[in-house]
Amino acid sequence: MRVVVQRSKEACVRVHGEVVGQIAQGLVLLVGITHEDTEQDVRYVADKVAGLRIFEDGQQKMNLSVADVGGQILSISQFTLYGDCRKGKRPNFMAAARPEHAEPLYERFNELLRERGLHVETGRFGAMMDVVLTNWGPVTLIVDSKQT
């Protein structure tokens, strides 16, 4: 499981011009799932994301988590995170999980974040989406469940 984490001042996601998810200050998560991902991967990444200390404290040090600052999460499924661009000019998406495997894990990931007391908005799984955000910092990190 791979998640791009972006600290954001505000963000929204639209499908066919309709806002389906919107947050104020918090994290925008682009969530990719591969074939081998399991509940263990989902739990690891949810714990990591919920606990990331990437918001500044009173001394301007990254010491606070999204929960510490009362932030929200906008979680967006994105199979293209597993695009392989090593050969040719067209990415190969064979490493991305099929929807029947990926969607339940994506939903479980969001559920685990909510169980940690976080407000989670989402895009629409499998839809073409427009994502608008103000990346704050900018701060962008990649969390991957595979420890190689």
C-alpha atoms as a PDB file:
ATOM      1  CA  MET A   1       0.000   0.000   0.000  1.00  0.00           C
ATOM      2  CA  ARG A   2       1.308   3.400  -0.951  1.00  0.00           C
ATOM      3  CA  VAL A   3      -0.060   6.752   0.207  1.00  0.00           C
ATOM      4  CA  VAL A   4       1.057  10.211  -0.842  1.00  0.00           C
ATOM      5  CA  VAL A   5       0.417  12.519   2.124  1.00  0.00           C
ATOM      6  CA  GLN A   6       0.050  16.238   1.498  1.00  0.00           C
ATOM      7  CA  ARG A   7      -0.406  18.723   4.309  1.00  0.00           C
ATOM      8  CA  SER A   8      -3.159  21.053   3.174  1.00  0.00           C
ATOM      9  CA  LYS A   9      -4.804  24.314   4.222  1.00  0.00           C
ATOM     10  CA  GLU A  10      -7.958  23.292   2.332  1.00  0.00           C
ATOM     11  CA  ALA A  11      -8.982  20.770  -0.296  1.00  0.00           C
ATOM     12  CA  CYS A  12     -11.910  19.380  -2.223  1.00  0.00           C
ATOM     13  CA  VAL A  13     -12.637  16.677  -4.753  1.00  0.00           C
ATOM     14  CA  ARG A  14     -15.254  16.931  -7.480  1.00  0.00           C
ATOM     15  CA  VAL A  15     -16.882  14.319  -9.679  1.00  0.00           C
ATOM     16  CA  HIS A  16     -18.669  15.696 -12.768  1.00  0.00           C
ATOM     17  CA  GLY A  17     -18.486  19.183 -11.226  1.00  0.00           C
ATOM     18  CA  GLU A  18     -20.130  18.112  -7.941  1.00  0.00           C
ATOM     19  CA  VAL A  19     -18.141  18.411  -4.698  1.00  0.00           C
ATOM     20  CA  VAL A  20     -18.124  14.936  -3.133  1.00  0.00           C
ATOM     21  CA  GLY A  21     -15.501  15.579  -0.433  1.00  0.00           C
ATOM     22  CA  GLN A  22     -14.132  18.734   1.159  1.00  0.00           C
ATOM     23  CA  ILE A  23     -11.910  19.601   4.121  1.00  0.00           C
ATOM     24  CA  ALA A  24     -10.389  22.600   5.818  1.00  0.00           C
ATOM     25  CA  GLN A  25      -6.898  22.217   7.358  1.00  0.00           C
ATOM     26  CA  GLY A  26      -5.584  18.665   7.357  1.00  0.00           C
ATOM     27  CA  LEU A  27      -4.196  15.986   5.090  1.00  0.00           C
ATOM     28  CA  VAL A  28      -4.927  15.019   1.517  1.00  0.00           C
ATOM     29  CA  LEU A  29      -4.182  11.324   0.988  1.00  0.00           C
ATOM     30  CA  LEU A  30      -3.719   9.776  -2.438  1.00  0.00           C
ATOM     31  CA  VAL A  31      -4.154   6.051  -1.769  1.00  0.00           C
ATOM     32  CA  GLY A  32      -2.785   3.265  -3.960  1.00  0.00           C
ATOM     33  CA  ILE A  33      -3.250  -0.456  -3.346  1.00  0.00           C
ATOM     34  CA  THR A  34      -1.382  -3.344  -4.947  1.00  0.00           C
ATOM     35  CA  HIS A  35      -2.243  -7.052  -5.321  1.00  0.00           C
ATOM     36  CA  GLU A  36      -0.382  -8.274  -2.245  1.00  0.00           C
ATOM     37  CA  ASP A  37      -1.837  -5.737   0.186  1.00  0.00           C
ATOM     38  CA  THR A  38      -3.688  -7.086   3.207  1.00  0.00           C
ATOM     39  CA  GLU A  39      -5.400  -5.857   6.356  1.00  0.00           C
ATOM     40  CA  GLN A  40      -1.941  -5.713   7.962  1.00  0.00           C
ATOM     41  CA  ASP A  41      -0.745  -3.212   5.334  1.00  0.00           C
ATOM     42  CA  VAL A  42      -3.887  -1.120   5.785  1.00  0.00           C
ATOM     43  CA  ARG A  43      -3.462  -1.025   9.570  1.00  0.00           C
ATOM     44  CA  TYR A  44       0.227  -0.117   9.322  1.00  0.00           C
ATOM     45  CA  VAL A  45      -0.418   2.799   6.955  1.00  0.00           C
ATOM     46  CA  ALA A  46      -3.471   4.059   8.891  1.00  0.00           C
ATOM     47  CA  ASP A  47      -1.425   4.085  12.114  1.00  0.00           C
ATOM     48  CA  LYS A  48       1.472   5.835  10.405  1.00  0.00           C
ATOM     49  CA  VAL A  49      -0.673   8.510   8.735  1.00  0.00           C
ATOM     50  CA  ALA A  50      -2.730   9.221  11.873  1.00  0.00           C
ATOM     51  CA  GLY A  51       0.424   9.657  13.932  1.00  0.00           C
ATOM     52  CA  LEU A  52       2.611  11.617  11.518  1.00  0.00           C
ATOM     53  CA  ARG A  53       3.889  14.722  13.280  1.00  0.00           C
ATOM     54  CA  ILE A  54       3.975  17.142  10.361  1.00  0.00           C
ATOM     55  CA  PHE A  55       2.175  20.178  11.791  1.00  0.00           C
ATOM     56  CA  GLU A  56       4.083  22.889  13.647  1.00  0.00           C
ATOM     57  CA  ASP A  57       3.882  23.433  17.383  1.00  0.00           C
ATOM     58  CA  GLY A  58       4.363  26.785  19.149  1.00  0.00           C
ATOM     59  CA  GLN A  59       8.109  26.679  18.438  1.00  0.00           C
ATOM     60  CA  GLN A  60       7.524  26.106  14.706  1.00  0.00           C
ATOM     61  CA  LYS A  61       8.768  22.497  14.897  1.00  0.00           C
ATOM     62  CA  MET A  62       6.917  19.669  13.172  1.00  0.00           C
ATOM     63  CA  ASN A  63       5.690  18.081  16.370  1.00  0.00           C
ATOM     64  CA  LEU A  64       1.908  17.719  15.993  1.00  0.00           C
ATOM     65  CA  SER A  65      -0.302  15.176  14.234  1.00  0.00           C
ATOM     66  CA  VAL A  66      -3.449  15.868  12.244  1.00  0.00           C
ATOM     67  CA  ALA A  67      -5.529  14.957  15.314  1.00  0.00           C
ATOM     68  CA  ASP A  68      -3.462  17.289  17.535  1.00  0.00           C
ATOM     69  CA  VAL A  69      -4.371  20.273  15.346  1.00  0.00           C
ATOM     70  CA  GLY A  70      -8.021  19.277  14.863  1.00  0.00           C
ATOM     71  CA  GLY A  71      -7.364  18.616  11.185  1.00  0.00           C
ATOM     72  CA  GLN A  72      -9.397  16.584   8.739  1.00  0.00           C
ATOM     73  CA  ILE A  73      -8.530  14.045   6.060  1.00  0.00           C
ATOM     74  CA  LEU A  74      -9.479  13.921   2.392  1.00  0.00           C
ATOM     75  CA  SER A  75      -8.754  10.385   1.164  1.00  0.00           C
ATOM     76  CA  ILE A  76      -8.708   9.722  -2.576  1.00  0.00           C
ATOM     77  CA  SER A  77      -8.135   6.357  -4.236  1.00  0.00           C
ATOM     78  CA  GLN A  78      -5.442   6.517  -6.910  1.00  0.00           C
ATOM     79  CA  PHE A  79      -4.372   3.354  -8.715  1.00  0.00           C
ATOM     80  CA  THR A  80      -1.826   5.327 -10.754  1.00  0.00           C
ATOM     81  CA  LEU A  81       0.511   5.361  -7.738  1.00  0.00           C
ATOM     82  CA  TYR A  82       1.477   1.870  -8.892  1.00  0.00           C
ATOM     83  CA  GLY A  83       2.241   2.967 -12.447  1.00  0.00           C
ATOM     84  CA  ASP A  84       5.592   1.635 -13.649  1.00  0.00           C
ATOM     85  CA  CYS A  85       7.339   4.116 -15.952  1.00  0.00           C
ATOM     86  CA  ARG A  86      10.649   2.279 -16.355  1.00  0.00           C
ATOM     87  CA  LYS A  87       9.992   1.050 -19.907  1.00  0.00           C
ATOM     88  CA  GLY A  88       8.660   3.030 -22.824  1.00  0.00           C
ATOM     89  CA  LYS A  89       6.507   6.136 -22.578  1.00  0.00           C
ATOM     90  CA  ARG A  90       3.202   4.627 -21.401  1.00  0.00           C
ATOM     91  CA  PRO A  91       2.983   3.629 -17.723  1.00  0.00           C
ATOM     92  CA  ASN A  92       2.243   0.001 -16.918  1.00  0.00           C
ATOM     93  CA  PHE A  93      -0.429  -0.364 -14.225  1.00  0.00           C
ATOM     94  CA  MET A  94      -0.164  -4.127 -13.718  1.00  0.00           C
ATOM     95  CA  ALA A  95       0.968  -3.674 -10.102  1.00  0.00           C
ATOM     96  CA  ALA A  96      -2.250  -1.834  -9.180  1.00  0.00           C
ATOM     97  CA  ALA A  97      -4.830  -4.072  -7.524  1.00  0.00           C
ATOM     98  CA  ARG A  98      -8.069  -4.838  -9.319  1.00  0.00           C
ATOM     99  CA  PRO A  99     -11.079  -2.903  -7.973  1.00  0.00           C
ATOM    100  CA  GLU A 100     -12.619  -5.961  -6.281  1.00  0.00           C
ATOM    101  CA  HIS A 101      -9.462  -6.272  -4.129  1.00  0.00           C
ATOM    102  CA  ALA A 102      -8.591  -2.580  -3.783  1.00  0.00           C
ATOM    103  CA  GLU A 103     -11.958  -1.054  -2.902  1.00  0.00           C
ATOM    104  CA  PRO A 104     -12.613  -3.055   0.298  1.00  0.00           C
ATOM    105  CA  LEU A 105      -9.065  -2.293   1.526  1.00  0.00           C
ATOM    106  CA  TYR A 106      -9.460   1.396   0.673  1.00  0.00           C
ATOM    107  CA  GLU A 107     -12.771   1.503   2.589  1.00  0.00           C
ATOM    108  CA  ARG A 108     -11.180  -0.320   5.537  1.00  0.00           C
ATOM    109  CA  PHE A 109      -8.307   2.194   5.559  1.00  0.00           C
ATOM    110  CA  ASN A 110     -10.775   5.096   5.815  1.00  0.00           C
ATOM    111  CA  GLU A 111     -12.727   3.264   8.520  1.00  0.00           C
ATOM    112  CA  LEU A 112      -9.556   2.776  10.587  1.00  0.00           C
ATOM    113  CA  LEU A 113      -8.773   6.493  10.353  1.00  0.00           C
ATOM    114  CA  ARG A 114     -12.302   7.291  11.532  1.00  0.00           C
ATOM    115  CA  GLU A 115     -11.908   4.840  14.422  1.00  0.00           C
ATOM    116  CA  ARG A 116      -8.951   6.989  15.512  1.00  0.00           C
ATOM    117  CA  GLY A 117     -11.332   9.941  15.849  1.00  0.00           C
ATOM    118  CA  LEU A 118     -10.444  11.621  12.566  1.00  0.00           C
ATOM    119  CA  HIS A 119     -12.968  13.279  10.275  1.00  0.00           C
ATOM    120  CA  VAL A 120     -12.485  11.604   6.868  1.00  0.00           C
ATOM    121  CA  GLU A 121     -13.972  12.775   3.584  1.00  0.00           C
ATOM    122  CA  THR A 122     -13.423  10.778   0.392  1.00  0.00           C
ATOM    123  CA  GLY A 123     -13.550  10.960  -3.331  1.00  0.00           C
ATOM    124  CA  ARG A 124     -15.499   8.354  -5.294  1.00  0.00           C
ATOM    125  CA  PHE A 125     -13.674   5.069  -5.868  1.00  0.00           C
ATOM    126  CA  GLY A 126     -12.968   4.440  -9.557  1.00  0.00           C
ATOM    127  CA  ALA A 127     -14.349   7.780 -10.749  1.00  0.00           C
ATOM    128  CA  MET A 128     -12.564  10.447 -12.757  1.00  0.00           C
ATOM    129  CA  MET A 129     -12.030  13.167 -10.139  1.00  0.00           C
ATOM    130  CA  ASP A 130     -10.809  16.754  -9.981  1.00  0.00           C
ATOM    131  CA  VAL A 131      -8.765  17.367  -6.828  1.00  0.00           C
ATOM    132  CA  VAL A 132      -8.080  20.931  -5.700  1.00  0.00           C
ATOM    133  CA  LEU A 133      -5.854  21.645  -2.716  1.00  0.00           C
ATOM    134  CA  THR A 134      -3.584  24.207  -1.172  1.00  0.00           C
ATOM    135  CA  ASN A 135      -0.450  22.263  -0.257  1.00  0.00           C
ATOM    136  CA  TRP A 136       0.769  23.877   2.946  1.00  0.00           C
ATOM    137  CA  GLY A 137       4.519  24.224   3.260  1.00  0.00           C
ATOM    138  CA  PRO A 138       4.683  22.485   0.874  1.00  0.00           C
ATOM    139  CA  VAL A 139       4.811  19.249   2.829  1.00  0.00           C
ATOM    140  CA  THR A 140       4.475  16.039   0.819  1.00  0.00           C
ATOM    141  CA  LEU A 141       5.481  12.577   2.042  1.00  0.00           C
ATOM    142  CA  ILE A 142       5.133   9.011   0.786  1.00  0.00           C
ATOM    143  CA  VAL A 143       4.121   6.249   3.196  1.00  0.00           C
ATOM    144  CA  ASP A 144       4.622   2.717   1.882  1.00  0.00           C
ATOM    145  CA  SER A 145       3.666  -0.455   3.757  1.00  0.00           C
ATOM    146  CA  LYS A 146       6.418  -2.462   2.083  1.00  0.00           C
ATOM    147  CA  GLN A 147       9.605  -2.109   4.094  1.00  0.00           C
ATOM    148  CA  THR A 148      12.389  -2.983   1.633  1.00  0.00           C
END
